[in-house]
mmCIF file of all heavy atoms, coordinates in Angstrom:
data_MODEL
# 
_entry.id   MODEL 
# 
loop_
_atom_site.group_PDB 
_atom_site.id 
_atom_site.type_symbol 
_atom_site.label_atom_id 
_atom_site.label_alt_id 
_atom_site.label_comp_id 
_atom_site.label_asym_id 
_atom_site.label_entity_id 
_atom_site.label_seq_id 
_atom_site.pdbx_PDB_ins_code 
_atom_site.Cartn_x 
_atom_site.Cartn_y 
_atom_site.Cartn_z 
_atom_site.occupancy 
_atom_site.B_iso_or_equiv 
_atom_site.pdbx_formal_charge 
_atom_site.auth_seq_id 
_atom_site.auth_comp_id 
_atom_site.auth_asym_id 
_atom_site.auth_atom_id 
_atom_site.pdbx_PDB_model_num 
ATOM 1   N N   . THR A 1 1  ? -3.130  -31.610 -94.656  1.00 0.00 ? 1  THR A N   1 
ATOM 2   C CA  . THR A 1 1  ? -2.910  -32.860 -93.945  1.00 0.00 ? 1  THR A CA  1 
ATOM 3   C C   . THR A 1 1  ? -1.583  -33.484 -94.349  1.00 0.00 ? 1  THR A C   1 
ATOM 4   O O   . THR A 1 1  ? -1.095  -33.248 -95.459  1.00 0.00 ? 1  THR A O   1 
ATOM 5   C CB  . THR A 1 1  ? -4.065  -33.851 -94.199  1.00 0.00 ? 1  THR A CB  1 
ATOM 6   O OG1 . THR A 1 1  ? -3.850  -35.026 -93.411  1.00 0.00 ? 1  THR A OG1 1 
ATOM 7   C CG2 . THR A 1 1  ? -4.196  -34.210 -95.674  1.00 0.00 ? 1  THR A CG2 1 
ATOM 8   N N   . ASP A 1 2  ? -1.019  -34.257 -93.442  1.00 0.00 ? 2  ASP A N   1 
ATOM 9   C CA  . ASP A 1 2  ? 0.198   -34.996 -93.785  1.00 0.00 ? 2  ASP A CA  1 
ATOM 10  C C   . ASP A 1 2  ? -0.127  -36.394 -94.290  1.00 0.00 ? 2  ASP A C   1 
ATOM 11  O O   . ASP A 1 2  ? 0.756   -37.167 -94.629  1.00 0.00 ? 2  ASP A O   1 
ATOM 12  C CB  . ASP A 1 2  ? 1.162   -35.058 -92.594  1.00 0.00 ? 2  ASP A CB  1 
ATOM 13  C CG  . ASP A 1 2  ? 0.647   -35.882 -91.425  1.00 0.00 ? 2  ASP A CG  1 
ATOM 14  O OD1 . ASP A 1 2  ? -0.500  -36.382 -91.480  1.00 0.00 ? 2  ASP A OD1 1 
ATOM 15  O OD2 . ASP A 1 2  ? 1.390   -36.010 -90.435  1.00 0.00 ? 2  ASP A OD2 1 
ATOM 16  N N   . GLY A 1 3  ? -1.403  -36.752 -94.336  1.00 0.00 ? 3  GLY A N   1 
ATOM 17  C CA  . GLY A 1 3  ? -1.827  -38.061 -94.817  1.00 0.00 ? 3  GLY A CA  1 
ATOM 18  C C   . GLY A 1 3  ? -1.717  -39.160 -93.775  1.00 0.00 ? 3  GLY A C   1 
ATOM 19  O O   . GLY A 1 3  ? -2.107  -40.293 -94.018  1.00 0.00 ? 3  GLY A O   1 
ATOM 20  N N   . ALA A 1 4  ? -1.185  -38.827 -92.603  1.00 0.00 ? 4  ALA A N   1 
ATOM 21  C CA  . ALA A 1 4  ? -1.019  -39.815 -91.532  1.00 0.00 ? 4  ALA A CA  1 
ATOM 22  C C   . ALA A 1 4  ? -1.907  -39.482 -90.338  1.00 0.00 ? 4  ALA A C   1 
ATOM 23  O O   . ALA A 1 4  ? -1.676  -39.975 -89.244  1.00 0.00 ? 4  ALA A O   1 
ATOM 24  C CB  . ALA A 1 4  ? 0.444   -39.873 -91.110  1.00 0.00 ? 4  ALA A CB  1 
ATOM 25  N N   . GLY A 1 5  ? -2.912  -38.621 -90.559  1.00 0.00 ? 5  GLY A N   1 
ATOM 26  C CA  . GLY A 1 5  ? -3.831  -38.270 -89.489  1.00 0.00 ? 5  GLY A CA  1 
ATOM 27  C C   . GLY A 1 5  ? -3.532  -36.963 -88.788  1.00 0.00 ? 5  GLY A C   1 
ATOM 28  O O   . GLY A 1 5  ? -4.264  -36.560 -87.890  1.00 0.00 ? 5  GLY A O   1 
ATOM 29  N N   . ASP A 1 6  ? -2.461  -36.286 -89.168  1.00 0.00 ? 6  ASP A N   1 
ATOM 30  C CA  . ASP A 1 6  ? -2.124  -34.980 -88.584  1.00 0.00 ? 6  ASP A CA  1 
ATOM 31  C C   . ASP A 1 6  ? -2.611  -33.907 -89.547  1.00 0.00 ? 6  ASP A C   1 
ATOM 32  O O   . ASP A 1 6  ? -2.301  -33.949 -90.740  1.00 0.00 ? 6  ASP A O   1 
ATOM 33  C CB  . ASP A 1 6  ? -0.617  -34.867 -88.367  1.00 0.00 ? 6  ASP A CB  1 
ATOM 34  C CG  . ASP A 1 6  ? -0.101  -35.965 -87.454  1.00 0.00 ? 6  ASP A CG  1 
ATOM 35  O OD1 . ASP A 1 6  ? -0.585  -36.049 -86.309  1.00 0.00 ? 6  ASP A OD1 1 
ATOM 36  O OD2 . ASP A 1 6  ? 0.753   -36.748 -87.904  1.00 0.00 ? 6  ASP A OD2 1 
ATOM 37  N N   . ASN A 1 7  ? -3.377  -32.949 -89.007  1.00 0.00 ? 7  ASN A N   1 
ATOM 38  C CA  . ASN A 1 7  ? -4.051  -31.973 -89.864  1.00 0.00 ? 7  ASN A CA  1 
ATOM 39  C C   . ASN A 1 7  ? -3.874  -30.549 -89.365  1.00 0.00 ? 7  ASN A C   1 
ATOM 40  O O   . ASN A 1 7  ? -3.734  -30.307 -88.169  1.00 0.00 ? 7  ASN A O   1 
ATOM 41  C CB  . ASN A 1 7  ? -5.553  -32.272 -89.914  1.00 0.00 ? 7  ASN A CB  1 
ATOM 42  C CG  . ASN A 1 7  ? -5.837  -33.648 -90.447  1.00 0.00 ? 7  ASN A CG  1 
ATOM 43  O OD1 . ASN A 1 7  ? -5.291  -34.068 -91.447  1.00 0.00 ? 7  ASN A OD1 1 
ATOM 44  N ND2 . ASN A 1 7  ? -6.708  -34.376 -89.757  1.00 0.00 ? 7  ASN A ND2 1 
ATOM 45  N N   . ILE A 1 8  ? -3.929  -29.622 -90.312  1.00 0.00 ? 8  ILE A N   1 
ATOM 46  C CA  . ILE A 1 8  ? -4.021  -28.192 -90.009  1.00 0.00 ? 8  ILE A CA  1 
ATOM 47  C C   . ILE A 1 8  ? -5.428  -27.791 -90.411  1.00 0.00 ? 8  ILE A C   1 
ATOM 48  O O   . ILE A 1 8  ? -5.793  -27.882 -91.591  1.00 0.00 ? 8  ILE A O   1 
ATOM 49  C CB  . ILE A 1 8  ? -2.969  -27.379 -90.788  1.00 0.00 ? 8  ILE A CB  1 
ATOM 50  C CG1 . ILE A 1 8  ? -1.558  -27.831 -90.406  1.00 0.00 ? 8  ILE A CG1 1 
ATOM 51  C CG2 . ILE A 1 8  ? -3.170  -25.883 -90.545  1.00 0.00 ? 8  ILE A CG2 1 
ATOM 52  C CD1 . ILE A 1 8  ? -0.455  -27.230 -91.264  1.00 0.00 ? 8  ILE A CD1 1 
ATOM 53  N N   . PRO A 1 9  ? -6.256  -27.369 -89.450  1.00 0.00 ? 9  PRO A N   1 
ATOM 54  C CA  . PRO A 1 9  ? -7.644  -27.006 -89.777  1.00 0.00 ? 9  PRO A CA  1 
ATOM 55  C C   . PRO A 1 9  ? -7.735  -25.657 -90.493  1.00 0.00 ? 9  PRO A C   1 
ATOM 56  O O   . PRO A 1 9  ? -6.817  -24.837 -90.430  1.00 0.00 ? 9  PRO A O   1 
ATOM 57  C CB  . PRO A 1 9  ? -8.332  -26.957 -88.414  1.00 0.00 ? 9  PRO A CB  1 
ATOM 58  C CG  . PRO A 1 9  ? -7.244  -26.727 -87.433  1.00 0.00 ? 9  PRO A CG  1 
ATOM 59  C CD  . PRO A 1 9  ? -5.984  -27.310 -88.017  1.00 0.00 ? 9  PRO A CD  1 
ATOM 60  N N   . SER A 1 10 ? -8.881  -25.425 -91.133  1.00 0.00 ? 10 SER A N   1 
ATOM 61  C CA  . SER A 1 10 ? -9.081  -24.162 -91.855  1.00 0.00 ? 10 SER A CA  1 
ATOM 62  C C   . SER A 1 10 ? -9.078  -22.970 -90.908  1.00 0.00 ? 10 SER A C   1 
ATOM 63  O O   . SER A 1 10 ? -8.770  -21.859 -91.321  1.00 0.00 ? 10 SER A O   1 
ATOM 64  C CB  . SER A 1 10 ? -10.384 -24.204 -92.651  1.00 0.00 ? 10 SER A CB  1 
ATOM 65  O OG  . SER A 1 10 ? -11.502 -24.295 -91.793  1.00 0.00 ? 10 SER A OG  1 
ATOM 66  N N   . ALA A 1 11 ? -9.373  -23.189 -89.631  1.00 0.00 ? 11 ALA A N   1 
ATOM 67  C CA  . ALA A 1 11 ? -9.353  -22.104 -88.642  1.00 0.00 ? 11 ALA A CA  1 
ATOM 68  C C   . ALA A 1 11 ? -7.939  -21.573 -88.417  1.00 0.00 ? 11 ALA A C   1 
ATOM 69  O O   . ALA A 1 11 ? -7.768  -20.457 -87.930  1.00 0.00 ? 11 ALA A O   1 
ATOM 70  C CB  . ALA A 1 11 ? -9.941  -22.589 -87.318  1.00 0.00 ? 11 ALA A CB  1 
ATOM 71  N N   . ASP A 1 12 ? -6.924  -22.352 -88.786  1.00 0.00 ? 12 ASP A N   1 
ATOM 72  C CA  . ASP A 1 12 ? -5.530  -21.924 -88.620  1.00 0.00 ? 12 ASP A CA  1 
ATOM 73  C C   . ASP A 1 12 ? -4.885  -21.498 -89.940  1.00 0.00 ? 12 ASP A C   1 
ATOM 74  O O   . ASP A 1 12 ? -3.709  -21.161 -89.983  1.00 0.00 ? 12 ASP A O   1 
ATOM 75  C CB  . ASP A 1 12 ? -4.721  -23.039 -87.965  1.00 0.00 ? 12 ASP A CB  1 
ATOM 76  C CG  . ASP A 1 12 ? -5.237  -23.340 -86.573  1.00 0.00 ? 12 ASP A CG  1 
ATOM 77  O OD1 . ASP A 1 12 ? -5.622  -22.391 -85.869  1.00 0.00 ? 12 ASP A OD1 1 
ATOM 78  O OD2 . ASP A 1 12 ? -5.278  -24.526 -86.200  1.00 0.00 ? 12 ASP A OD2 1 
ATOM 79  N N   . PHE A 1 13 ? -5.670  -21.509 -91.001  1.00 0.00 ? 13 PHE A N   1 
ATOM 80  C CA  . PHE A 1 13 ? -5.219  -21.001 -92.297  1.00 0.00 ? 13 PHE A CA  1 
ATOM 81  C C   . PHE A 1 13 ? -5.818  -19.610 -92.449  1.00 0.00 ? 13 PHE A C   1 
ATOM 82  O O   . PHE A 1 13 ? -7.019  -19.421 -92.300  1.00 0.00 ? 13 PHE A O   1 
ATOM 83  C CB  . PHE A 1 13 ? -5.684  -21.895 -93.445  1.00 0.00 ? 13 PHE A CB  1 
ATOM 84  C CG  . PHE A 1 13 ? -5.150  -21.463 -94.775  1.00 0.00 ? 13 PHE A CG  1 
ATOM 85  C CD1 . PHE A 1 13 ? -3.946  -21.945 -95.245  1.00 0.00 ? 13 PHE A CD1 1 
ATOM 86  C CD2 . PHE A 1 13 ? -5.849  -20.552 -95.554  1.00 0.00 ? 13 PHE A CD2 1 
ATOM 87  C CE1 . PHE A 1 13 ? -3.439  -21.528 -96.472  1.00 0.00 ? 13 PHE A CE1 1 
ATOM 88  C CE2 . PHE A 1 13 ? -5.357  -20.127 -96.778  1.00 0.00 ? 13 PHE A CE2 1 
ATOM 89  C CZ  . PHE A 1 13 ? -4.149  -20.620 -97.242  1.00 0.00 ? 13 PHE A CZ  1 
ATOM 90  N N   . GLN A 1 14 ? -4.968  -18.630 -92.748  1.00 0.00 ? 14 GLN A N   1 
ATOM 91  C CA  . GLN A 1 14 ? -5.415  -17.240 -92.809  1.00 0.00 ? 14 GLN A CA  1 
ATOM 92  C C   . GLN A 1 14 ? -5.166  -16.645 -94.185  1.00 0.00 ? 14 GLN A C   1 
ATOM 93  O O   . GLN A 1 14 ? -4.175  -16.962 -94.845  1.00 0.00 ? 14 GLN A O   1 
ATOM 94  C CB  . GLN A 1 14 ? -4.685  -16.407 -91.758  1.00 0.00 ? 14 GLN A CB  1 
ATOM 95  C CG  . GLN A 1 14 ? -4.887  -16.919 -90.352  1.00 0.00 ? 14 GLN A CG  1 
ATOM 96  C CD  . GLN A 1 14 ? -3.976  -16.231 -89.359  1.00 0.00 ? 14 GLN A CD  1 
ATOM 97  O OE1 . GLN A 1 14 ? -2.877  -15.806 -89.681  1.00 0.00 ? 14 GLN A OE1 1 
ATOM 98  N NE2 . GLN A 1 14 ? -4.454  -16.117 -88.120  1.00 0.00 ? 14 GLN A NE2 1 
ATOM 99  N N   . LEU A 1 15 ? -6.068  -15.753 -94.571  1.00 0.00 ? 15 LEU A N   1 
ATOM 100 C CA  . LEU A 1 15 ? -5.993  -15.090 -95.865  1.00 0.00 ? 15 LEU A CA  1 
ATOM 101 C C   . LEU A 1 15 ? -6.173  -13.589 -95.654  1.00 0.00 ? 15 LEU A C   1 
ATOM 102 O O   . LEU A 1 15 ? -7.048  -13.169 -94.904  1.00 0.00 ? 15 LEU A O   1 
ATOM 103 C CB  . LEU A 1 15 ? -7.100  -15.638 -96.768  1.00 0.00 ? 15 LEU A CB  1 
ATOM 104 C CG  . LEU A 1 15 ? -7.117  -15.237 -98.226  1.00 0.00 ? 15 LEU A CG  1 
ATOM 105 C CD1 . LEU A 1 15 ? -7.764  -16.353 -99.044  1.00 0.00 ? 15 LEU A CD1 1 
ATOM 106 C CD2 . LEU A 1 15 ? -7.846  -13.953 -98.464  1.00 0.00 ? 15 LEU A CD2 1 
ATOM 107 N N   . SER A 1 16 ? -5.317  -12.802 -96.299  1.00 0.00 ? 16 SER A N   1 
ATOM 108 C CA  . SER A 1 16 ? -5.455  -11.350 -96.321  1.00 0.00 ? 16 SER A CA  1 
ATOM 109 C C   . SER A 1 16 ? -5.860  -10.968 -97.739  1.00 0.00 ? 16 SER A C   1 
ATOM 110 O O   . SER A 1 16 ? -5.153  -11.286 -98.696  1.00 0.00 ? 16 SER A O   1 
ATOM 111 C CB  . SER A 1 16 ? -4.136  -10.672 -95.948  1.00 0.00 ? 16 SER A CB  1 
ATOM 112 O OG  . SER A 1 16 ? -4.183  -9.289  -96.252  1.00 0.00 ? 16 SER A OG  1 
ATOM 113 N N   . ASP A 1 17 ? -6.990  -10.275 -97.874  1.00 0.00 ? 17 ASP A N   1 
ATOM 114 C CA  . ASP A 1 17 ? -7.492  -9.887  -99.186  1.00 0.00 ? 17 ASP A CA  1 
ATOM 115 C C   . ASP A 1 17 ? -7.290  -8.394  -99.399  1.00 0.00 ? 17 ASP A C   1 
ATOM 116 O O   . ASP A 1 17 ? -7.763  -7.573  -98.605  1.00 0.00 ? 17 ASP A O   1 
ATOM 117 C CB  . ASP A 1 17 ? -8.979  -10.244 -99.293  1.00 0.00 ? 17 ASP A CB  1 
ATOM 118 C CG  . ASP A 1 17 ? -9.530  -10.015 -100.683 1.00 0.00 ? 17 ASP A CG  1 
ATOM 119 O OD1 . ASP A 1 17 ? -8.775  -10.139 -101.659 1.00 0.00 ? 17 ASP A OD1 1 
ATOM 120 O OD2 . ASP A 1 17 ? -10.735 -9.718  -100.802 1.00 0.00 ? 17 ASP A OD2 1 
ATOM 121 N N   . ASN A 1 18 ? -6.566  -8.046  -100.445 1.00 0.00 ? 18 ASN A N   1 
ATOM 122 C CA  . ASN A 1 18 ? -6.316  -6.645  -100.826 1.00 0.00 ? 18 ASN A CA  1 
ATOM 123 C C   . ASN A 1 18 ? -5.743  -5.822  -99.676  1.00 0.00 ? 18 ASN A C   1 
ATOM 124 O O   . ASN A 1 18 ? -6.132  -4.682  -99.447  1.00 0.00 ? 18 ASN A O   1 
ATOM 125 C CB  . ASN A 1 18 ? -7.587  -6.002  -101.383 1.00 0.00 ? 18 ASN A CB  1 
ATOM 126 C CG  . ASN A 1 18 ? -7.970  -6.584  -102.723 1.00 0.00 ? 18 ASN A CG  1 
ATOM 127 O OD1 . ASN A 1 18 ? -7.122  -6.983  -103.510 1.00 0.00 ? 18 ASN A OD1 1 
ATOM 128 N ND2 . ASN A 1 18 ? -9.256  -6.650  -102.995 1.00 0.00 ? 18 ASN A ND2 1 
ATOM 129 N N   . GLY A 1 19 ? -4.802  -6.407  -98.935  1.00 0.00 ? 19 GLY A N   1 
ATOM 130 C CA  . GLY A 1 19 ? -4.118  -5.684  -97.873  1.00 0.00 ? 19 GLY A CA  1 
ATOM 131 C C   . GLY A 1 19 ? -4.863  -5.629  -96.555  1.00 0.00 ? 19 GLY A C   1 
ATOM 132 O O   . GLY A 1 19 ? -4.395  -4.996  -95.609  1.00 0.00 ? 19 GLY A O   1 
ATOM 133 N N   . GLY A 1 20 ? -6.001  -6.304  -96.459  1.00 0.00 ? 20 GLY A N   1 
ATOM 134 C CA  . GLY A 1 20 ? -6.763  -6.320  -95.212  1.00 0.00 ? 20 GLY A CA  1 
ATOM 135 C C   . GLY A 1 20 ? -6.122  -7.237  -94.182  1.00 0.00 ? 20 GLY A C   1 
ATOM 136 O O   . GLY A 1 20 ? -5.098  -7.876  -94.424  1.00 0.00 ? 20 GLY A O   1 
ATOM 137 N N   . ALA A 1 21 ? -6.736  -7.303  -93.035  1.00 0.00 ? 21 ALA A N   1 
ATOM 138 C CA  . ALA A 1 21 ? -6.244  -8.145  -91.949  1.00 0.00 ? 21 ALA A CA  1 
ATOM 139 C C   . ALA A 1 21 ? -6.336  -9.620  -92.341  1.00 0.00 ? 21 ALA A C   1 
ATOM 140 O O   . ALA A 1 21 ? -7.206  -10.017 -93.130  1.00 0.00 ? 21 ALA A O   1 
ATOM 141 C CB  . ALA A 1 21 ? -7.058  -7.896  -90.683  1.00 0.00 ? 21 ALA A CB  1 
ATOM 142 N N   . PHE A 1 22 ? -5.436  -10.419 -91.797  1.00 0.00 ? 22 PHE A N   1 
ATOM 143 C CA  . PHE A 1 22 ? -5.515  -11.859 -92.007  1.00 0.00 ? 22 PHE A CA  1 
ATOM 144 C C   . PHE A 1 22 ? -6.761  -12.390 -91.312  1.00 0.00 ? 22 PHE A C   1 
ATOM 145 O O   . PHE A 1 22 ? -7.047  -12.044 -90.161  1.00 0.00 ? 22 PHE A O   1 
ATOM 146 C CB  . PHE A 1 22 ? -4.270  -12.569 -91.474  1.00 0.00 ? 22 PHE A CB  1 
ATOM 147 C CG  . PHE A 1 22 ? -3.122  -12.527 -92.438  1.00 0.00 ? 22 PHE A CG  1 
ATOM 148 C CD1 . PHE A 1 22 ? -2.061  -11.672 -92.228  1.00 0.00 ? 22 PHE A CD1 1 
ATOM 149 C CD2 . PHE A 1 22 ? -3.115  -13.338 -93.558  1.00 0.00 ? 22 PHE A CD2 1 
ATOM 150 C CE1 . PHE A 1 22 ? -0.995  -11.627 -93.111  1.00 0.00 ? 22 PHE A CE1 1 
ATOM 151 C CE2 . PHE A 1 22 ? -2.060  -13.302 -94.460  1.00 0.00 ? 22 PHE A CE2 1 
ATOM 152 C CZ  . PHE A 1 22 ? -1.003  -12.438 -94.231  1.00 0.00 ? 22 PHE A CZ  1 
ATOM 153 N N   . THR A 1 23 ? -7.518  -13.220 -92.029  1.00 0.00 ? 23 THR A N   1 
ATOM 154 C CA  . THR A 1 23 ? -8.764  -13.780 -91.526  1.00 0.00 ? 23 THR A CA  1 
ATOM 155 C C   . THR A 1 23 ? -8.755  -15.281 -91.740  1.00 0.00 ? 23 THR A C   1 
ATOM 156 O O   . THR A 1 23 ? -8.412  -15.761 -92.831  1.00 0.00 ? 23 THR A O   1 
ATOM 157 C CB  . THR A 1 23 ? -9.978  -13.167 -92.267  1.00 0.00 ? 23 THR A CB  1 
ATOM 158 O OG1 . THR A 1 23 ? -9.910  -11.740 -92.143  1.00 0.00 ? 23 THR A OG1 1 
ATOM 159 C CG2 . THR A 1 23 ? -11.284 -13.661 -91.717  1.00 0.00 ? 23 THR A CG2 1 
ATOM 160 N N   . ALA A 1 24 ? -9.137  -16.021 -90.721  1.00 0.00 ? 24 ALA A N   1 
ATOM 161 C CA  . ALA A 1 24 ? -9.204  -17.482 -90.825  1.00 0.00 ? 24 ALA A CA  1 
ATOM 162 C C   . ALA A 1 24 ? -10.396 -17.890 -91.676  1.00 0.00 ? 24 ALA A C   1 
ATOM 163 O O   . ALA A 1 24 ? -11.417 -17.195 -91.733  1.00 0.00 ? 24 ALA A O   1 
ATOM 164 C CB  . ALA A 1 24 ? -9.306  -18.095 -89.438  1.00 0.00 ? 24 ALA A CB  1 
ATOM 165 N N   . LEU A 1 25 ? -10.284 -19.033 -92.334  1.00 0.00 ? 25 LEU A N   1 
ATOM 166 C CA  . LEU A 1 25 ? -11.370 -19.555 -93.162  1.00 0.00 ? 25 LEU A CA  1 
ATOM 167 C C   . LEU A 1 25 ? -12.286 -20.407 -92.287  1.00 0.00 ? 25 LEU A C   1 
ATOM 168 O O   . LEU A 1 25 ? -12.125 -21.627 -92.196  1.00 0.00 ? 25 LEU A O   1 
ATOM 169 C CB  . LEU A 1 25 ? -10.815 -20.349 -94.349  1.00 0.00 ? 25 LEU A CB  1 
ATOM 170 C CG  . LEU A 1 25 ? -10.380 -19.481 -95.536  1.00 0.00 ? 25 LEU A CG  1 
ATOM 171 C CD1 . LEU A 1 25 ? -9.141  -18.686 -95.243  1.00 0.00 ? 25 LEU A CD1 1 
ATOM 172 C CD2 . LEU A 1 25 ? -10.207 -20.305 -96.772  1.00 0.00 ? 25 LEU A CD2 1 
ATOM 173 N N   . THR A 1 26 ? -13.237 -19.760 -91.624  1.00 0.00 ? 26 THR A N   1 
ATOM 174 C CA  . THR A 1 26 ? -14.105 -20.424 -90.660  1.00 0.00 ? 26 THR A CA  1 
ATOM 175 C C   . THR A 1 26 ? -15.585 -20.250 -90.965  1.00 0.00 ? 26 THR A C   1 
ATOM 176 O O   . THR A 1 26 ? -16.422 -20.627 -90.150  1.00 0.00 ? 26 THR A O   1 
ATOM 177 C CB  . THR A 1 26 ? -13.836 -19.895 -89.238  1.00 0.00 ? 26 THR A CB  1 
ATOM 178 O OG1 . THR A 1 26 ? -14.040 -18.480 -89.234  1.00 0.00 ? 26 THR A OG1 1 
ATOM 179 C CG2 . THR A 1 26 ? -12.424 -20.214 -88.786  1.00 0.00 ? 26 THR A CG2 1 
ATOM 180 N N   . ASN A 1 27 ? -15.912 -19.697 -92.109  1.00 0.00 ? 27 ASN A N   1 
ATOM 181 C CA  . ASN A 1 27 ? -17.318 -19.452 -92.445  1.00 0.00 ? 27 ASN A CA  1 
ATOM 182 C C   . ASN A 1 27 ? -17.849 -20.541 -93.364  1.00 0.00 ? 27 ASN A C   1 
ATOM 183 O O   . ASN A 1 27 ? -17.109 -21.131 -94.150  1.00 0.00 ? 27 ASN A O   1 
ATOM 184 C CB  . ASN A 1 27 ? -17.475 -18.099 -93.145  1.00 0.00 ? 27 ASN A CB  1 
ATOM 185 C CG  . ASN A 1 27 ? -17.046 -16.956 -92.256  1.00 0.00 ? 27 ASN A CG  1 
ATOM 186 O OD1 . ASN A 1 27 ? -17.384 -16.919 -91.083  1.00 0.00 ? 27 ASN A OD1 1 
ATOM 187 N ND2 . ASN A 1 27 ? -16.286 -16.039 -92.813  1.00 0.00 ? 27 ASN A ND2 1 
ATOM 188 N N   . THR A 1 28 ? -19.136 -20.782 -93.275  1.00 0.00 ? 28 THR A N   1 
ATOM 189 C CA  . THR A 1 28 ? -19.805 -21.647 -94.234  1.00 0.00 ? 28 THR A CA  1 
ATOM 190 C C   . THR A 1 28 ? -20.215 -20.768 -95.402  1.00 0.00 ? 28 THR A C   1 
ATOM 191 O O   . THR A 1 28 ? -20.916 -19.783 -95.220  1.00 0.00 ? 28 THR A O   1 
ATOM 192 C CB  . THR A 1 28 ? -21.028 -22.329 -93.606  1.00 0.00 ? 28 THR A CB  1 
ATOM 193 O OG1 . THR A 1 28 ? -20.572 -23.132 -92.506  1.00 0.00 ? 28 THR A OG1 1 
ATOM 194 C CG2 . THR A 1 28 ? -21.747 -23.211 -94.606  1.00 0.00 ? 28 THR A CG2 1 
ATOM 195 N N   . VAL A 1 29 ? -19.716 -21.097 -96.588  1.00 0.00 ? 29 VAL A N   1 
ATOM 196 C CA  . VAL A 1 29 ? -19.969 -20.289 -97.783  1.00 0.00 ? 29 VAL A CA  1 
ATOM 197 C C   . VAL A 1 29 ? -20.737 -21.125 -98.804  1.00 0.00 ? 29 VAL A C   1 
ATOM 198 O O   . VAL A 1 29 ? -21.070 -22.280 -98.547  1.00 0.00 ? 29 VAL A O   1 
ATOM 199 C CB  . VAL A 1 29 ? -18.648 -19.734 -98.367  1.00 0.00 ? 29 VAL A CB  1 
ATOM 200 C CG1 . VAL A 1 29 ? -17.975 -18.789 -97.374  1.00 0.00 ? 29 VAL A CG1 1 
ATOM 201 C CG2 . VAL A 1 29 ? -17.696 -20.841 -98.770  1.00 0.00 ? 29 VAL A CG2 1 
ATOM 202 N N   . ALA A 1 30 ? -21.015 -20.546 -99.954  1.00 0.00 ? 30 ALA A N   1 
ATOM 203 C CA  . ALA A 1 30 ? -21.833 -21.197 -100.979 1.00 0.00 ? 30 ALA A CA  1 
ATOM 204 C C   . ALA A 1 30 ? -21.233 -22.517 -101.455 1.00 0.00 ? 30 ALA A C   1 
ATOM 205 O O   . ALA A 1 30 ? -21.953 -23.374 -101.957 1.00 0.00 ? 30 ALA A O   1 
ATOM 206 C CB  . ALA A 1 30 ? -22.017 -20.256 -102.165 1.00 0.00 ? 30 ALA A CB  1 
# 
């Protein structure tokens, strides 16, 4: 967030684990 109400959601943040495909953080986890 920029603190002024503009946000980047977790669906647009991507992670590649151990060389795998980039995956958005969209799951409900523990």
